[in-house]
Amino acid sequence: MVTVAEELDKAVQSAFTRPVPKSAGAQMRYLVKRHGGRTKPVAELLGISQRTVERYVGKQIKTPRPQLADRLEHEVRTRWQPHIRARAKQAAASTSGIMIDVQARFGYTAAPGSTDQARVRHLTLALPPRHAARLLEAQEAGMDEDDLRQVTAEALGEVYFRDNGRRAHGLEVELTDLVDLQFEL
């Protein structure tokens, strides 16, 4: 299932200037370096023993179990190039905005007698910086997926359905049945 949080992460990761380490040993060494050369916090982070971390760093173990490989990949990606990540978010929130390509079922709450019914739509549009800032801030604040969908729906409602206040006053948009979603900074 597509989630707003994962797709926002992918969009931010597209700004990386160097590739993320691919081998388990390189990923482990990166995490150890990020934790000041200490292996114990990395072991706690990954849920493995400190000695196992030391074996990866010392190139004694090369291939992790699938679960560990996934956790390792995730932890490295979330910490990779923090300055580049922050710069990309700042640019989206202040000047460039964010592109959204979404295919989902949109529901509406509108005035009685409205003919708008929920249906699947495919929208590609640019969200202005204020909406991008709100969406990125909501993600950083740790909002759950439902809240992130609501923030996205409010942004799409304002920009597309209400045309920045020029029409459909009072129309509330609900984003359900998310089929596909992509962001681009």
N, C-alpha and C. Protein backbone atom coordinates (compact mmCIF):
# COMPACT_ATOMS: atom_id res chain seq x y z
N MET A 1 0.83 -1.18 0.00
CA MET A 1 0.00 0.00 0.00
C MET A 1 0.88 1.25 0.00
N VAL A 2 0.48 2.22 -0.76
CA VAL A 2 1.22 3.47 -0.86
C VAL A 2 0.89 4.34 0.35
N THR A 3 1.94 4.93 0.95
CA THR A 3 1.70 5.83 2.07
C THR A 3 2.32 7.20 1.79
N VAL A 4 1.70 8.21 2.36
CA VAL A 4 2.17 9.58 2.17
C VAL A 4 3.57 9.74 2.77
N ALA A 5 3.80 9.19 3.95
CA ALA A 5 5.10 9.33 4.62
C ALA A 5 6.22 8.72 3.79
N GLU A 6 6.01 7.52 3.28
CA GLU A 6 7.05 6.86 2.47
C GLU A 6 7.34 7.64 1.19
N GLU A 7 6.30 8.14 0.56
CA GLU A 7 6.49 8.87 -0.69
C GLU A 7 7.17 10.23 -0.46
N LEU A 8 6.89 10.86 0.67
CA LEU A 8 7.61 12.10 1.01
C LEU A 8 9.09 11.79 1.23
N ASP A 9 9.37 10.69 1.91
CA ASP A 9 10.77 10.28 2.12
C ASP A 9 11.47 10.04 0.79
N LYS A 10 10.81 9.36 -0.12
CA LYS A 10 11.41 9.10 -1.43
C LYS A 10 11.70 10.41 -2.17
N ALA A 11 10.79 11.36 -2.07
CA ALA A 11 11.00 12.65 -2.75
C ALA A 11 12.21 13.37 -2.18
N VAL A 12 12.37 13.35 -0.87
CA VAL A 12 13.51 14.00 -0.23
C VAL A 12 14.80 13.26 -0.59
N GLN A 13 14.74 11.93 -0.65
CA GLN A 13 15.92 11.15 -0.98
C GLN A 13 16.37 11.37 -2.42
N SER A 14 15.48 11.82 -3.28
CA SER A 14 15.88 12.09 -4.66
C SER A 14 16.84 13.28 -4.75
N ALA A 15 16.93 14.05 -3.69
CA ALA A 15 17.85 15.19 -3.66
C ALA A 15 19.27 14.80 -3.25
N PHE A 16 19.47 13.55 -2.84
CA PHE A 16 20.80 13.11 -2.41
C PHE A 16 21.82 13.34 -3.53
N THR A 17 23.02 13.74 -3.14
CA THR A 17 24.08 14.00 -4.12
C THR A 17 25.04 12.82 -4.26
N ARG A 18 25.02 11.91 -3.30
CA ARG A 18 25.86 10.71 -3.37
C ARG A 18 24.98 9.49 -3.10
N PRO A 19 25.35 8.35 -3.68
CA PRO A 19 24.53 7.16 -3.44
C PRO A 19 24.67 6.65 -2.01
N VAL A 20 23.60 6.07 -1.52
CA VAL A 20 23.59 5.47 -0.19
C VAL A 20 24.47 4.22 -0.23
N PRO A 21 25.25 3.93 0.83
CA PRO A 21 26.07 2.72 0.83
C PRO A 21 25.22 1.47 0.58
N LYS A 22 25.75 0.58 -0.24
CA LYS A 22 24.96 -0.59 -0.64
C LYS A 22 25.29 -1.85 0.17
N SER A 23 26.54 -2.10 0.46
CA SER A 23 26.88 -3.33 1.17
C SER A 23 26.55 -3.19 2.66
N ALA A 24 26.28 -4.34 3.29
CA ALA A 24 25.94 -4.34 4.71
C ALA A 24 27.09 -3.79 5.55
N GLY A 25 28.32 -4.13 5.18
CA GLY A 25 29.47 -3.64 5.94
C GLY A 25 29.61 -2.13 5.86
N ALA A 26 29.44 -1.58 4.66
CA ALA A 26 29.53 -0.13 4.48
C ALA A 26 28.40 0.57 5.23
N GLN A 27 27.21 -0.01 5.20
CA GLN A 27 26.08 0.58 5.92
C GLN A 27 26.33 0.55 7.43
N MET A 28 26.86 -0.55 7.91
CA MET A 28 27.13 -0.69 9.34
C MET A 28 28.22 0.30 9.75
N ARG A 29 29.27 0.42 8.95
CA ARG A 29 30.34 1.38 9.27
C ARG A 29 29.81 2.81 9.29
N TYR A 30 28.90 3.11 8.37
CA TYR A 30 28.30 4.46 8.35
C TYR A 30 27.53 4.72 9.65
N LEU A 31 26.71 3.76 10.07
CA LEU A 31 25.94 3.95 11.30
C LEU A 31 26.85 4.10 12.51
N VAL A 32 27.91 3.30 12.55
CA VAL A 32 28.85 3.40 13.67
C VAL A 32 29.50 4.78 13.67
N LYS A 33 29.88 5.26 12.50
CA LYS A 33 30.49 6.59 12.39
C LYS A 33 29.51 7.68 12.86
N ARG A 34 28.23 7.54 12.46
CA ARG A 34 27.22 8.52 12.87
C ARG A 34 26.98 8.51 14.38
N HIS A 35 27.29 7.40 15.03
CA HIS A 35 27.12 7.30 16.48
C HIS A 35 28.44 7.47 17.21
N GLY A 36 29.33 8.23 16.63
CA GLY A 36 30.58 8.58 17.29
C GLY A 36 31.56 7.43 17.45
N GLY A 37 31.49 6.44 16.57
CA GLY A 37 32.42 5.32 16.63
C GLY A 37 32.03 4.25 17.63
N ARG A 38 30.87 4.39 18.24
CA ARG A 38 30.42 3.41 19.24
C ARG A 38 29.51 2.38 18.58
N THR A 39 29.73 1.13 18.93
CA THR A 39 28.94 0.05 18.33
C THR A 39 27.70 -0.30 19.15
N LYS A 40 27.71 0.00 20.44
CA LYS A 40 26.58 -0.37 21.29
C LYS A 40 25.28 0.33 20.88
N PRO A 41 25.28 1.65 20.62
CA PRO A 41 24.02 2.28 20.20
C PRO A 41 23.51 1.73 18.87
N VAL A 42 24.42 1.36 17.98
CA VAL A 42 24.02 0.79 16.70
C VAL A 42 23.39 -0.58 16.92
N ALA A 43 23.96 -1.36 17.80
CA ALA A 43 23.40 -2.68 18.12
C ALA A 43 22.00 -2.54 18.69
N GLU A 44 21.81 -1.58 19.59
CA GLU A 44 20.49 -1.35 20.18
C GLU A 44 19.50 -0.87 19.13
N LEU A 45 19.96 -0.02 18.25
CA LEU A 45 19.12 0.51 17.18
C LEU A 45 18.61 -0.60 16.27
N LEU A 46 19.49 -1.54 15.94
CA LEU A 46 19.15 -2.62 15.00
C LEU A 46 18.60 -3.87 15.68
N GLY A 47 18.69 -3.93 17.00
CA GLY A 47 18.19 -5.09 17.72
C GLY A 47 19.08 -6.32 17.56
N ILE A 48 20.38 -6.08 17.51
CA ILE A 48 21.35 -7.18 17.40
C ILE A 48 22.41 -6.99 18.48
N SER A 49 23.32 -7.95 18.59
CA SER A 49 24.36 -7.83 19.61
C SER A 49 25.46 -6.87 19.15
N GLN A 50 26.15 -6.33 20.14
CA GLN A 50 27.26 -5.43 19.86
C GLN A 50 28.37 -6.17 19.11
N ARG A 51 28.57 -7.41 19.45
CA ARG A 51 29.60 -8.22 18.78
C ARG A 51 29.27 -8.42 17.30
N THR A 52 28.00 -8.57 16.97
CA THR A 52 27.60 -8.72 15.56
C THR A 52 27.92 -7.45 14.78
N VAL A 53 27.67 -6.31 15.40
CA VAL A 53 28.01 -5.04 14.75
C VAL A 53 29.51 -4.99 14.50
N GLU A 54 30.28 -5.37 15.49
CA GLU A 54 31.74 -5.36 15.35
C GLU A 54 32.21 -6.30 14.23
N ARG A 55 31.53 -7.42 14.07
CA ARG A 55 31.89 -8.36 13.00
C ARG A 55 31.61 -7.77 11.62
N TYR A 56 30.51 -7.04 11.49
CA TYR A 56 30.22 -6.39 10.20
C TYR A 56 31.25 -5.30 9.91
N VAL A 57 31.58 -4.51 10.92
CA VAL A 57 32.56 -3.45 10.75
C VAL A 57 33.92 -4.03 10.39
N GLY A 58 34.28 -5.16 11.01
CA GLY A 58 35.56 -5.82 10.74
C GLY A 58 35.55 -6.71 9.51
N LYS A 59 34.48 -6.68 8.75
CA LYS A 59 34.34 -7.44 7.50
C LYS A 59 34.38 -8.95 7.71
N GLN A 60 34.01 -9.40 8.90
CA GLN A 60 33.95 -10.85 9.16
C GLN A 60 32.62 -11.43 8.71
N ILE A 61 31.56 -10.62 8.75
CA ILE A 61 30.24 -11.01 8.25
C ILE A 61 29.91 -10.08 7.09
N LYS A 62 29.41 -10.64 6.02
CA LYS A 62 29.12 -9.82 4.84
C LYS A 62 27.66 -9.80 4.44
N THR A 63 26.91 -10.86 4.73
CA THR A 63 25.53 -10.95 4.28
C THR A 63 24.59 -11.06 5.47
N PRO A 64 23.76 -10.05 5.71
CA PRO A 64 22.83 -10.11 6.84
C PRO A 64 21.57 -10.91 6.50
N ARG A 65 20.86 -11.30 7.54
CA ARG A 65 19.54 -11.92 7.36
C ARG A 65 18.63 -10.89 6.69
N PRO A 66 17.60 -11.35 5.99
CA PRO A 66 16.72 -10.41 5.28
C PRO A 66 16.10 -9.33 6.18
N GLN A 67 15.67 -9.72 7.38
CA GLN A 67 15.08 -8.73 8.29
C GLN A 67 16.10 -7.67 8.70
N LEU A 68 17.30 -8.12 9.03
CA LEU A 68 18.35 -7.18 9.42
C LEU A 68 18.74 -6.30 8.23
N ALA A 69 18.80 -6.89 7.05
CA ALA A 69 19.15 -6.11 5.85
C ALA A 69 18.14 -4.98 5.64
N ASP A 70 16.86 -5.27 5.83
CA ASP A 70 15.82 -4.25 5.66
C ASP A 70 15.94 -3.15 6.72
N ARG A 71 16.14 -3.55 7.98
CA ARG A 71 16.30 -2.56 9.05
C ARG A 71 17.53 -1.70 8.82
N LEU A 72 18.61 -2.34 8.43
CA LEU A 72 19.87 -1.64 8.19
C LEU A 72 19.71 -0.62 7.07
N GLU A 73 19.10 -1.05 5.97
CA GLU A 73 18.85 -0.16 4.83
C GLU A 73 17.99 1.03 5.26
N HIS A 74 16.94 0.76 6.02
CA HIS A 74 16.04 1.82 6.47
C HIS A 74 16.76 2.83 7.37
N GLU A 75 17.51 2.33 8.33
CA GLU A 75 18.21 3.22 9.27
C GLU A 75 19.26 4.08 8.57
N VAL A 76 19.95 3.51 7.60
CA VAL A 76 20.96 4.29 6.86
C VAL A 76 20.27 5.35 6.01
N ARG A 77 19.19 4.97 5.30
CA ARG A 77 18.47 5.93 4.44
C ARG A 77 17.91 7.11 5.25
N THR A 78 17.43 6.84 6.46
CA THR A 78 16.86 7.92 7.26
C THR A 78 17.91 8.88 7.80
N ARG A 79 19.17 8.45 7.81
CA ARG A 79 20.25 9.29 8.34
C ARG A 79 21.19 9.82 7.27
N TRP A 80 21.04 9.38 6.04
CA TRP A 80 21.98 9.73 4.98
C TRP A 80 21.84 11.19 4.58
N GLN A 81 22.94 11.88 4.46
CA GLN A 81 23.07 13.27 4.03
C GLN A 81 22.03 14.20 4.68
N PRO A 82 22.12 14.38 5.99
CA PRO A 82 21.12 15.20 6.68
C PRO A 82 21.10 16.65 6.23
N HIS A 83 22.24 17.21 5.84
CA HIS A 83 22.26 18.61 5.40
C HIS A 83 21.58 18.77 4.04
N ILE A 84 21.80 17.82 3.15
CA ILE A 84 21.15 17.85 1.84
C ILE A 84 19.65 17.69 2.01
N ARG A 85 19.26 16.78 2.89
CA ARG A 85 17.84 16.54 3.18
C ARG A 85 17.19 17.82 3.72
N ALA A 86 17.85 18.47 4.67
CA ALA A 86 17.30 19.69 5.26
C ALA A 86 17.22 20.82 4.23
N ARG A 87 18.24 20.93 3.39
CA ARG A 87 18.24 21.95 2.35
C ARG A 87 17.09 21.74 1.35
N ALA A 88 16.85 20.49 0.95
CA ALA A 88 15.77 20.18 0.02
C ALA A 88 14.40 20.51 0.63
N LYS A 89 14.23 20.16 1.90
CA LYS A 89 12.96 20.47 2.58
C LYS A 89 12.76 21.97 2.71
N GLN A 90 13.84 22.68 3.04
CA GLN A 90 13.75 24.13 3.18
C GLN A 90 13.39 24.78 1.85
N ALA A 91 13.99 24.32 0.76
CA ALA A 91 13.68 24.88 -0.56
C ALA A 91 12.23 24.63 -0.93
N ALA A 92 11.73 23.43 -0.66
CA ALA A 92 10.34 23.12 -0.97
C ALA A 92 9.38 23.95 -0.14
N ALA A 93 9.74 24.18 1.12
CA ALA A 93 8.86 24.91 2.02
C ALA A 93 8.91 26.42 1.82
N SER A 94 9.97 26.92 1.19
CA SER A 94 10.09 28.38 1.09
C SER A 94 9.97 28.91 -0.34
N THR A 95 10.45 28.17 -1.33
CA THR A 95 10.45 28.74 -2.68
C THR A 95 9.84 27.85 -3.76
N SER A 96 10.22 26.60 -3.82
CA SER A 96 9.86 25.78 -4.99
C SER A 96 8.55 25.02 -4.84
N GLY A 97 8.10 24.74 -3.64
CA GLY A 97 6.90 23.94 -3.47
C GLY A 97 7.19 22.47 -3.75
N ILE A 98 6.14 21.72 -4.00
CA ILE A 98 6.28 20.29 -4.22
C ILE A 98 5.27 19.85 -5.28
N MET A 99 5.72 18.97 -6.16
CA MET A 99 4.83 18.40 -7.18
C MET A 99 4.19 17.14 -6.60
N ILE A 100 2.92 16.96 -6.90
CA ILE A 100 2.22 15.77 -6.45
C ILE A 100 1.53 15.12 -7.64
N ASP A 101 1.67 13.82 -7.73
CA ASP A 101 0.99 13.02 -8.74
C ASP A 101 0.22 11.95 -7.96
N VAL A 102 -1.09 12.07 -7.93
CA VAL A 102 -1.90 11.19 -7.08
C VAL A 102 -3.05 10.59 -7.88
N GLN A 103 -3.29 9.33 -7.63
CA GLN A 103 -4.46 8.67 -8.16
C GLN A 103 -5.16 8.05 -6.96
N ALA A 104 -6.37 8.55 -6.69
CA ALA A 104 -7.08 8.12 -5.50
C ALA A 104 -8.56 8.42 -5.65
N ARG A 105 -9.33 7.89 -4.72
CA ARG A 105 -10.76 8.22 -4.67
C ARG A 105 -10.89 9.47 -3.79
N PHE A 106 -11.51 10.47 -4.35
CA PHE A 106 -11.74 11.71 -3.63
C PHE A 106 -13.22 11.78 -3.26
N GLY A 107 -13.49 12.00 -1.99
CA GLY A 107 -14.85 12.21 -1.52
C GLY A 107 -15.04 13.67 -1.15
N TYR A 108 -16.27 14.12 -1.13
CA TYR A 108 -16.53 15.53 -0.92
C TYR A 108 -17.62 15.72 0.12
N THR A 109 -17.52 16.80 0.84
CA THR A 109 -18.59 17.28 1.69
C THR A 109 -18.89 18.67 1.17
N ALA A 110 -20.06 18.82 0.57
CA ALA A 110 -20.40 20.09 -0.06
C ALA A 110 -21.83 20.47 0.31
N ALA A 111 -22.29 21.57 -0.24
CA ALA A 111 -23.63 22.05 0.01
C ALA A 111 -24.66 21.02 -0.47
N PRO A 112 -25.83 20.98 0.17
CA PRO A 112 -26.87 20.05 -0.27
C PRO A 112 -27.22 20.29 -1.75
N GLY A 113 -27.50 19.20 -2.43
CA GLY A 113 -27.86 19.31 -3.84
C GLY A 113 -26.68 19.25 -4.78
N SER A 114 -25.49 19.10 -4.24
CA SER A 114 -24.29 19.03 -5.07
C SER A 114 -24.28 17.72 -5.85
N THR A 115 -23.77 17.78 -7.07
CA THR A 115 -23.71 16.57 -7.90
C THR A 115 -22.37 15.87 -7.78
N ASP A 116 -21.45 16.43 -7.02
CA ASP A 116 -20.14 15.79 -6.88
C ASP A 116 -20.27 14.53 -6.03
N GLN A 117 -19.87 13.41 -6.61
CA GLN A 117 -19.83 12.16 -5.87
C GLN A 117 -18.40 11.67 -5.85
N ALA A 118 -18.09 10.84 -4.85
CA ALA A 118 -16.74 10.31 -4.74
C ALA A 118 -16.41 9.48 -5.97
N ARG A 119 -15.23 9.71 -6.52
CA ARG A 119 -14.76 8.92 -7.67
C ARG A 119 -13.24 8.98 -7.72
N VAL A 120 -12.68 8.04 -8.48
CA VAL A 120 -11.24 7.99 -8.63
C VAL A 120 -10.80 9.06 -9.61
N ARG A 121 -9.81 9.81 -9.22
CA ARG A 121 -9.23 10.85 -10.08
C ARG A 121 -7.73 10.70 -10.11
N HIS A 122 -7.14 11.15 -11.19
CA HIS A 122 -5.68 11.19 -11.31
C HIS A 122 -5.30 12.64 -11.48
N LEU A 123 -4.60 13.19 -10.49
CA LEU A 123 -4.22 14.60 -10.49
C LEU A 123 -2.70 14.73 -10.46
N THR A 124 -2.19 15.65 -11.24
CA THR A 124 -0.78 16.03 -11.19
C THR A 124 -0.74 17.54 -11.11
N LEU A 125 -0.24 18.07 -10.02
CA LEU A 125 -0.18 19.51 -9.88
C LEU A 125 0.89 19.94 -8.90
N ALA A 126 1.18 21.20 -8.94
CA ALA A 126 2.20 21.78 -8.05
C ALA A 126 1.52 22.36 -6.82
N LEU A 127 1.99 21.94 -5.66
CA LEU A 127 1.51 22.53 -4.42
C LEU A 127 2.44 23.68 -4.07
N PRO A 128 1.89 24.84 -3.76
CA PRO A 128 2.73 25.99 -3.41
C PRO A 128 3.54 25.73 -2.13
N PRO A 129 4.56 26.55 -1.90
CA PRO A 129 5.44 26.34 -0.75
C PRO A 129 4.73 26.25 0.60
N ARG A 130 3.67 27.01 0.81
CA ARG A 130 3.00 26.97 2.12
C ARG A 130 2.37 25.60 2.38
N HIS A 131 1.83 24.97 1.34
CA HIS A 131 1.27 23.63 1.51
C HIS A 131 2.38 22.59 1.66
N ALA A 132 3.46 22.77 0.92
CA ALA A 132 4.61 21.87 1.05
C ALA A 132 5.17 21.96 2.47
N ALA A 133 5.30 23.17 2.99
CA ALA A 133 5.82 23.36 4.34
C ALA A 133 4.92 22.67 5.36
N ARG A 134 3.63 22.83 5.20
CA ARG A 134 2.69 22.22 6.15
C ARG A 134 2.79 20.69 6.11
N LEU A 135 2.90 20.14 4.92
CA LEU A 135 2.99 18.69 4.77
C LEU A 135 4.30 18.15 5.35
N LEU A 136 5.42 18.82 5.07
CA LEU A 136 6.71 18.38 5.60
C LEU A 136 6.79 18.55 7.12
N GLU A 137 6.21 19.62 7.63
CA GLU A 137 6.18 19.83 9.08
C GLU A 137 5.33 18.77 9.78
N ALA A 138 4.22 18.40 9.15
CA ALA A 138 3.37 17.36 9.72
C ALA A 138 4.10 16.03 9.78
N GLN A 139 4.87 15.73 8.74
CA GLN A 139 5.64 14.49 8.73
C GLN A 139 6.71 14.51 9.81
N GLU A 140 7.43 15.62 9.93
CA GLU A 140 8.49 15.73 10.94
C GLU A 140 7.93 15.68 12.36
N ALA A 141 6.70 16.17 12.53
CA ALA A 141 6.07 16.15 13.85
C ALA A 141 5.62 14.74 14.23
N GLY A 142 5.72 13.79 13.30
CA GLY A 142 5.38 12.41 13.61
C GLY A 142 3.90 12.09 13.47
N MET A 143 3.19 12.86 12.67
CA MET A 143 1.76 12.58 12.48
C MET A 143 1.58 11.21 11.83
N ASP A 144 0.49 10.55 12.17
CA ASP A 144 0.24 9.23 11.59
C ASP A 144 -0.28 9.37 10.16
N GLU A 145 -0.42 8.26 9.48
CA GLU A 145 -0.76 8.24 8.06
C GLU A 145 -2.11 8.91 7.78
N ASP A 146 -3.09 8.69 8.64
CA ASP A 146 -4.41 9.30 8.42
C ASP A 146 -4.32 10.83 8.47
N ASP A 147 -3.55 11.35 9.40
CA ASP A 147 -3.38 12.80 9.50
C ASP A 147 -2.62 13.36 8.30
N LEU A 148 -1.60 12.63 7.83
CA LEU A 148 -0.87 13.07 6.65
C LEU A 148 -1.77 13.07 5.41
N ARG A 149 -2.64 12.07 5.31
CA ARG A 149 -3.61 12.06 4.19
C ARG A 149 -4.55 13.24 4.27
N GLN A 150 -4.97 13.58 5.49
CA GLN A 150 -5.87 14.71 5.67
C GLN A 150 -5.19 16.02 5.27
N VAL A 151 -3.94 16.20 5.65
CA VAL A 151 -3.19 17.40 5.27
C VAL A 151 -3.05 17.46 3.75
N THR A 152 -2.76 16.31 3.12
CA THR A 152 -2.66 16.25 1.66
C THR A 152 -3.99 16.57 1.02
N ALA A 153 -5.07 16.02 1.55
CA ALA A 153 -6.41 16.29 1.00
C ALA A 153 -6.76 17.78 1.12
N GLU A 154 -6.42 18.39 2.24
CA GLU A 154 -6.70 19.82 2.41
C GLU A 154 -5.92 20.66 1.40
N ALA A 155 -4.67 20.28 1.16
CA ALA A 155 -3.87 21.01 0.17
C ALA A 155 -4.45 20.85 -1.22
N LEU A 156 -4.81 19.62 -1.59
CA LEU A 156 -5.41 19.39 -2.91
C LEU A 156 -6.76 20.08 -3.03
N GLY A 157 -7.53 20.08 -1.95
CA GLY A 157 -8.82 20.77 -1.96
C GLY A 157 -8.65 22.26 -2.21
N GLU A 158 -7.68 22.86 -1.56
CA GLU A 158 -7.44 24.29 -1.73
C GLU A 158 -6.93 24.62 -3.12
N VAL A 159 -5.92 23.88 -3.59
CA VAL A 159 -5.26 24.22 -4.84
C VAL A 159 -6.07 23.80 -6.07
N TYR A 160 -6.61 22.59 -6.06
CA TYR A 160 -7.27 22.07 -7.26
C TYR A 160 -8.79 22.28 -7.22
N PHE A 161 -9.43 21.77 -6.20
CA PHE A 161 -10.89 21.77 -6.18
C PHE A 161 -11.49 23.14 -5.91
N ARG A 162 -10.89 23.93 -5.01
CA ARG A 162 -11.41 25.27 -4.73
C ARG A 162 -10.66 26.35 -5.49
N ASP A 163 -9.66 25.96 -6.26
CA ASP A 163 -8.89 26.88 -7.11
C ASP A 163 -8.43 28.11 -6.33
N ASN A 164 -7.78 27.85 -5.19
CA ASN A 164 -7.25 28.91 -4.32
C ASN A 164 -8.30 29.94 -3.92
N GLY A 165 -9.51 29.44 -3.62
CA GLY A 165 -10.57 30.31 -3.12
C GLY A 165 -11.44 30.94 -4.19
N ARG A 166 -11.26 30.59 -5.47
CA ARG A 166 -12.04 31.19 -6.54
C ARG A 166 -13.35 30.46 -6.83
N ARG A 167 -13.51 29.24 -6.31
CA ARG A 167 -14.75 28.50 -6.56
C ARG A 167 -14.96 27.45 -5.48
N ALA A 168 -16.12 26.83 -5.51
CA ALA A 168 -16.48 25.72 -4.61
C ALA A 168 -16.22 26.05 -3.15
N HIS A 169 -16.67 27.20 -2.72
CA HIS A 169 -16.50 27.60 -1.32
C HIS A 169 -17.19 26.60 -0.41
N GLY A 170 -16.53 26.21 0.66
CA GLY A 170 -17.10 25.29 1.63
C GLY A 170 -16.94 23.83 1.27
N LEU A 171 -16.33 23.52 0.14
CA LEU A 171 -16.12 22.14 -0.27
C LEU A 171 -14.98 21.54 0.55
N GLU A 172 -15.25 20.44 1.22
CA GLU A 172 -14.23 19.73 1.98
C GLU A 172 -13.89 18.44 1.24
N VAL A 173 -12.61 18.19 1.07
CA VAL A 173 -12.15 17.04 0.29
C VAL A 173 -11.60 15.97 1.23
N GLU A 174 -11.92 14.72 0.90
CA GLU A 174 -11.43 13.57 1.66
C GLU A 174 -10.69 12.66 0.69
N LEU A 175 -9.50 12.25 1.06
CA LEU A 175 -8.66 11.40 0.24
C LEU A 175 -8.76 9.96 0.75
N THR A 176 -9.35 9.08 -0.07
CA THR A 176 -9.50 7.68 0.33
C THR A 176 -9.03 6.79 -0.81
N ASP A 177 -8.90 5.52 -0.55
CA ASP A 177 -8.51 4.53 -1.56
C ASP A 177 -7.35 5.03 -2.42
N LEU A 178 -6.24 5.27 -1.79
CA LEU A 178 -5.05 5.75 -2.46
C LEU A 178 -4.49 4.65 -3.37
N VAL A 179 -4.48 4.90 -4.68
CA VAL A 179 -4.00 3.92 -5.65
C VAL A 179 -2.51 4.15 -5.92
N ASP A 180 -2.15 5.39 -6.20
CA ASP A 180 -0.76 5.73 -6.50
C ASP A 180 -0.49 7.15 -6.03
N LEU A 181 0.72 7.39 -5.59
CA LEU A 181 1.10 8.70 -5.09
C LEU A 181 2.60 8.88 -5.29
N GLN A 182 2.98 10.03 -5.80
CA GLN A 182 4.39 10.39 -5.93
C GLN A 182 4.54 11.87 -5.65
N PHE A 183 5.61 12.21 -4.95
CA PHE A 183 5.97 13.60 -4.71
C PHE A 183 7.29 13.86 -5.41
N GLU A 184 7.50 15.10 -5.78
CA GLU A 184 8.80 15.51 -6.36
C GLU A 184 9.10 16.91 -5.84
N LEU A 185 10.29 17.05 -5.26
CA LEU A 185 10.70 18.36 -4.73
C LEU A 185 11.24 19.22 -5.84
